[in-house]
Amino acid sequence: MTLLLALADTPVAGPDLAPPVWRTLFALLVVLSLLAGLGWMLRRGLLARRSGRGLGVETALALGERRSLVIVAVEGRRLLLGLTPSQVSLVTELRPPASFDDAIARATGEGGPS
């Protein structure tokens, strides 16, 4: 019996859990920060390849039951397309958007490209 009491009083060297917990929390914080930064870069389009001759949807307008009008930029051209569930139709080709200087010149009647 005295042997059991002696064993109970001796300190037992167990694992120290504090450093691994802090290390794990720090690693989790680093991983979450990297994921947040990657999400921000994807949302801002910093990781997407941008080419000047690609295809891009400038704007879309829903007209009702699965029908819409879409302005698409294709290789320097702007097209107004009508979309239905069964087909895509070219409505018209649009002029390139005017620069601010051209718009001011036309509004004031000072000439400029038409």
Protein backbone atom coordinates (compact mmCIF):
# COMPACT_ATOMS: atom_id res chain seq x y z
CA MET A 1 0.00 0.00 0.00
CA THR A 2 2.81 2.39 0.72
CA LEU A 3 4.12 1.66 -2.74
CA LEU A 4 0.84 2.84 -4.31
CA LEU A 5 0.90 6.03 -2.25
CA ALA A 6 4.48 6.67 -3.27
CA LEU A 7 3.59 6.19 -6.96
CA ALA A 8 0.60 8.51 -6.64
CA ASP A 9 2.75 11.32 -5.22
CA THR A 10 5.43 11.17 -7.89
CA PRO A 11 4.91 13.64 -10.73
CA VAL A 12 4.19 12.01 -14.03
CA ALA A 13 5.80 13.56 -17.08
CA GLY A 14 2.96 13.89 -19.57
CA PRO A 15 2.82 15.57 -22.94
CA ASP A 16 2.80 19.35 -22.92
CA LEU A 17 -0.25 20.29 -24.98
CA ALA A 18 0.14 24.06 -24.97
CA PRO A 19 2.83 24.45 -27.66
CA PRO A 20 1.17 22.13 -30.23
CA VAL A 21 -2.19 23.90 -29.72
CA TRP A 22 -0.66 27.33 -30.36
CA ARG A 23 1.30 26.00 -33.31
CA THR A 24 -1.88 24.44 -34.76
CA LEU A 25 -3.88 27.65 -34.29
CA PHE A 26 -1.13 29.68 -35.95
CA ALA A 27 -0.98 27.27 -38.90
CA LEU A 28 -4.78 27.44 -39.23
CA LEU A 29 -4.65 31.24 -39.21
CA VAL A 30 -1.99 31.23 -41.95
CA VAL A 31 -4.00 28.82 -44.12
CA LEU A 32 -7.23 30.83 -43.69
CA SER A 33 -5.38 34.06 -44.54
CA LEU A 34 -3.96 32.49 -47.70
CA LEU A 35 -7.42 31.29 -48.73
CA ALA A 36 -8.92 34.73 -48.12
CA GLY A 37 -6.16 36.37 -50.17
CA LEU A 38 -6.64 33.89 -53.01
CA GLY A 39 -10.40 34.49 -53.00
CA TRP A 40 -9.85 38.25 -53.12
CA MET A 41 -7.44 37.89 -56.05
CA LEU A 42 -9.88 35.67 -57.95
CA ARG A 43 -12.74 38.08 -57.33
CA ARG A 44 -10.65 41.04 -58.54
CA GLY A 45 -9.63 39.09 -61.63
CA LEU A 46 -5.93 39.33 -60.87
CA LEU A 47 -5.35 35.64 -61.56
CA ALA A 48 -7.50 35.43 -64.69
CA ARG A 49 -5.77 35.67 -68.03
CA ARG A 50 -6.87 38.67 -69.95
CA SER A 51 -6.39 38.74 -73.68
CA GLY A 52 -7.40 41.60 -75.96
CA ARG A 53 -8.93 39.31 -78.57
CA GLY A 54 -11.05 37.09 -76.37
CA LEU A 55 -14.74 36.85 -75.82
CA GLY A 56 -16.46 38.89 -73.12
CA VAL A 57 -20.02 39.61 -72.08
CA GLU A 58 -20.36 43.34 -71.44
CA THR A 59 -23.95 43.33 -70.21
CA ALA A 60 -27.09 41.22 -70.24
CA LEU A 61 -30.77 42.08 -69.93
CA ALA A 62 -33.35 39.46 -69.02
CA LEU A 63 -36.55 39.85 -71.04
CA GLY A 64 -38.63 37.23 -69.33
CA GLU A 65 -39.09 33.50 -69.53
CA ARG A 66 -35.53 32.36 -70.45
CA ARG A 67 -35.05 35.08 -73.05
CA SER A 68 -32.46 37.84 -72.92
CA LEU A 69 -30.45 40.42 -74.84
CA VAL A 70 -26.68 40.32 -74.43
CA ILE A 71 -23.92 42.66 -75.59
CA VAL A 72 -20.83 40.59 -76.38
CA ALA A 73 -17.34 41.86 -77.26
CA VAL A 74 -15.61 39.58 -79.77
CA GLU A 75 -12.21 40.42 -81.28
CA GLY A 76 -12.80 44.17 -81.11
CA ARG A 77 -16.42 44.01 -82.30
CA ARG A 78 -19.52 44.58 -80.14
CA LEU A 79 -22.55 42.46 -80.97
CA LEU A 80 -26.10 42.64 -79.63
CA LEU A 81 -27.40 39.07 -79.42
CA GLY A 82 -30.87 37.78 -78.71
CA LEU A 83 -30.89 34.55 -76.69
CA THR A 84 -33.70 32.03 -76.37
CA PRO A 85 -33.60 28.45 -75.11
CA SER A 86 -33.30 27.13 -78.66
CA GLN A 87 -31.25 29.73 -80.55
CA VAL A 88 -28.88 32.68 -80.56
CA SER A 89 -29.66 35.50 -83.02
CA LEU A 90 -27.56 38.48 -84.04
CA VAL A 91 -29.71 41.58 -83.57
CA THR A 92 -27.14 44.15 -84.69
CA GLU A 93 -23.48 45.08 -84.54
CA LEU A 94 -22.93 48.06 -82.26
CA ARG A 95 -20.49 50.90 -82.74
CA PRO A 96 -17.50 50.92 -80.40
CA PRO A 97 -18.16 53.04 -77.33
CA ALA A 98 -17.16 56.67 -77.80
CA SER A 99 -14.42 58.18 -75.71
CA PHE A 100 -15.30 60.94 -73.27
CA ASP A 101 -13.64 63.56 -75.49
CA ASP A 102 -15.68 62.42 -78.52
CA ALA A 103 -18.91 62.56 -76.54
CA ILE A 104 -18.15 66.11 -75.33
CA ALA A 105 -17.25 67.22 -78.87
CA ARG A 106 -20.53 65.84 -80.23
CA ALA A 107 -22.56 67.36 -77.39
CA THR A 108 -21.07 70.82 -77.86
CA GLY A 109 -21.31 70.65 -81.64
CA GLU A 110 -17.56 70.99 -82.20
CA GLY A 111 -17.41 68.16 -84.69
CA GLY A 112 -15.55 65.01 -83.84
CA PRO A 113 -16.20 61.54 -85.18
CA SER A 114 -19.81 60.59 -85.68
